[in-house]
Every structure is written in structure tokens, then in C-alpha cells.
Protein backbone atom coordinates (compact mmCIF):
# COMPACT_ATOMS: atom_id res chain seq x y z
CA MET A 1 92.37 -24.13 102.05
CA LYS A 2 93.39 -27.59 103.20
CA LYS A 3 96.62 -29.49 102.83
CA ILE A 4 95.99 -33.19 102.40
CA GLU A 5 98.94 -35.49 102.85
CA ALA A 6 98.53 -39.16 102.04
CA ILE A 7 100.91 -42.07 102.43
CA ILE A 8 99.78 -44.92 100.17
CA ARG A 9 101.02 -48.19 98.71
CA LYS A 10 103.13 -47.59 95.60
CA SER A 11 101.04 -50.22 93.80
CA LYS A 12 97.89 -48.09 94.28
CA PHE A 13 99.37 -44.83 92.97
CA THR A 14 97.88 -45.06 89.47
CA ASP A 15 94.42 -45.79 90.90
CA VAL A 16 94.68 -42.85 93.31
CA LYS A 17 95.96 -40.49 90.60
CA GLU A 18 93.03 -41.39 88.32
CA ALA A 19 90.54 -40.98 91.18
CA LEU A 20 91.97 -37.55 92.01
CA HIS A 21 91.76 -36.45 88.38
CA GLY A 22 88.18 -37.73 88.35
CA VAL A 23 87.16 -35.30 91.11
CA GLY A 24 89.04 -32.35 89.61
CA VAL A 25 92.33 -32.47 91.52
CA ASN A 26 94.81 -32.05 88.69
CA PHE A 27 97.90 -30.86 90.53
CA PHE A 28 99.74 -32.44 93.43
CA SER A 29 103.26 -33.38 94.40
CA TYR A 30 104.47 -36.86 95.24
CA TRP A 31 107.63 -38.70 96.09
CA ASP A 32 108.78 -42.16 97.18
CA VAL A 33 109.35 -42.62 100.89
CA THR A 34 110.35 -45.37 103.27
CA GLY A 35 108.74 -45.67 106.67
CA ILE A 36 108.37 -47.95 109.61
CA GLY A 37 104.90 -49.34 110.25
CA ASN A 38 103.08 -51.15 113.03
CA GLU A 39 103.34 -54.57 111.44
CA LYS A 40 105.97 -56.60 113.31
CA GLU A 41 105.79 -59.95 111.53
CA GLY A 42 107.94 -60.84 108.57
CA HIS A 43 106.61 -62.43 105.39
CA VAL A 44 107.75 -65.36 103.30
CA TYR A 45 107.84 -64.91 99.53
CA ARG A 46 109.01 -67.79 97.32
CA GLY A 47 110.60 -69.45 100.31
CA VAL A 48 112.54 -66.37 101.40
CA SER A 49 111.67 -64.59 104.63
CA TYR A 50 111.86 -60.80 104.55
CA SER A 51 111.24 -58.04 107.05
CA THR A 52 108.29 -55.71 106.68
CA SER A 53 109.55 -53.14 109.19
CA ASP A 54 110.86 -50.87 106.39
CA ILE A 55 107.96 -50.14 104.09
CA GLN A 56 108.18 -48.56 100.61
CA ARG A 57 105.34 -46.10 100.06
CA ARG A 58 104.40 -43.06 98.00
CA TYR A 59 103.77 -39.73 99.73
CA LEU A 60 101.27 -37.30 98.18
CA SER A 61 100.97 -33.63 99.08
CA ILE A 62 97.79 -31.95 97.85
CA VAL A 63 96.49 -28.44 98.55
CA VAL A 64 92.84 -27.80 97.73
CA ASN A 65 90.19 -25.20 98.44
CA ASP A 66 87.95 -26.13 101.37
CA ASP A 67 85.08 -27.20 99.10
CA PHE A 68 87.32 -29.83 97.42
CA ALA A 69 88.65 -31.38 100.64
CA ASP A 70 85.90 -33.97 101.21
CA ALA A 71 85.89 -35.12 97.58
CA THR A 72 89.68 -35.40 97.61
CA ILE A 73 89.69 -37.49 100.78
CA LYS A 74 86.90 -39.76 99.50
CA ALA A 75 88.78 -40.27 96.23
CA ILE A 76 91.90 -41.37 98.08
CA LEU A 77 89.99 -43.61 100.50
CA SER A 78 88.05 -45.35 97.73
CA SER A 79 91.06 -45.93 95.47
CA ALA A 80 93.96 -46.60 97.85
CA GLY A 81 92.47 -49.29 100.06
CA THR A 82 93.06 -53.02 99.84
CA GLY A 83 91.56 -53.89 103.22
CA GLN A 84 94.94 -55.09 104.50
CA VAL A 85 97.35 -53.74 107.08
CA GLY A 86 99.62 -51.12 105.49
CA ASP A 87 97.13 -49.33 103.24
CA GLY A 88 98.41 -45.99 104.55
CA LYS A 89 97.24 -42.81 106.21
CA ILE A 90 95.71 -39.44 105.30
CA PHE A 91 96.50 -36.26 107.22
CA VAL A 92 94.56 -33.01 106.82
CA SER A 93 95.71 -29.59 107.99
CA ASP A 94 94.67 -25.98 107.43
CA MET A 95 96.68 -23.83 105.05
CA GLN A 96 96.86 -20.16 105.93
CA GLU A 97 97.84 -18.76 102.55
CA SER A 98 99.17 -19.56 99.09
CA TYR A 99 100.88 -17.37 96.51
CA ARG A 100 101.34 -17.71 92.77
CA ILE A 101 104.98 -16.82 92.17
CA ARG A 102 104.49 -15.71 88.56
CA THR A 103 101.82 -13.08 89.29
CA GLY A 104 102.11 -12.48 93.01
CA GLU A 105 98.39 -13.15 93.53
CA LYS A 106 97.40 -14.92 96.72
CA GLY A 107 94.58 -17.01 98.14
CA GLY A 108 92.41 -19.79 96.81
CA GLU A 109 92.54 -18.52 93.23
CA THR A 110 96.18 -19.64 93.05
CA LEU A 111 94.99 -23.26 93.13
CA LYS A 112 93.06 -22.95 89.86
């Protein structure tokens, strides 16, 4: 099993969610986060300068069986990108075990 964590633009969340559903990933957790990025320049919007050092993003946490990892990553990459600085990051790590609390079963079957 793999844990895929993605930090994306909030404006791309609907696109990413639809892409994940399209490849069969129907359960994941998400929450709003604030982070500090590499971009150091401020931006001007309607004549007002604002700092971009604090960035509003959405954090997704997805656990999939190994055979779904590549499709999940491709879905995020294809739907979250704008080609601009600040599109986000994806992190992948191994999961040792999962348990279904209701039944006590463990392993990859708990993700279905």
C-alpha cells in the first residue's frame, strides 16, 4: 500500500477530485492548509500589493493499493497543474498496514 499526500491549489480541488474519481479513487481525506513557498516576490492585484509568502492550499491524504499508485499520481499531475510556480507537491510513502475498525480485518482489502 502507498500513502499519497498532495498539496495543491484550492482552485484545482474540484478538477483533482473528479480525476481521482475517474481512476477509481473514491475515498480520501483533505483539509485546508497554509504554507510558505519558494516564491519571494509579491503580486499586485487591482492596484494593491500583497505578499505571497503565506500560501493557501488544500492538502490531500490518499491511501491506495500498490497497483493504484501510478494512476492516482498521474490523475493528480494531469488535473492539478497550471504550469505556474505554486502548483504544489506530491509525496509518496509506503504504508505498512491498515485496519478496518468495524470488522477488525487488515491489509489491502480494507481499502475497498
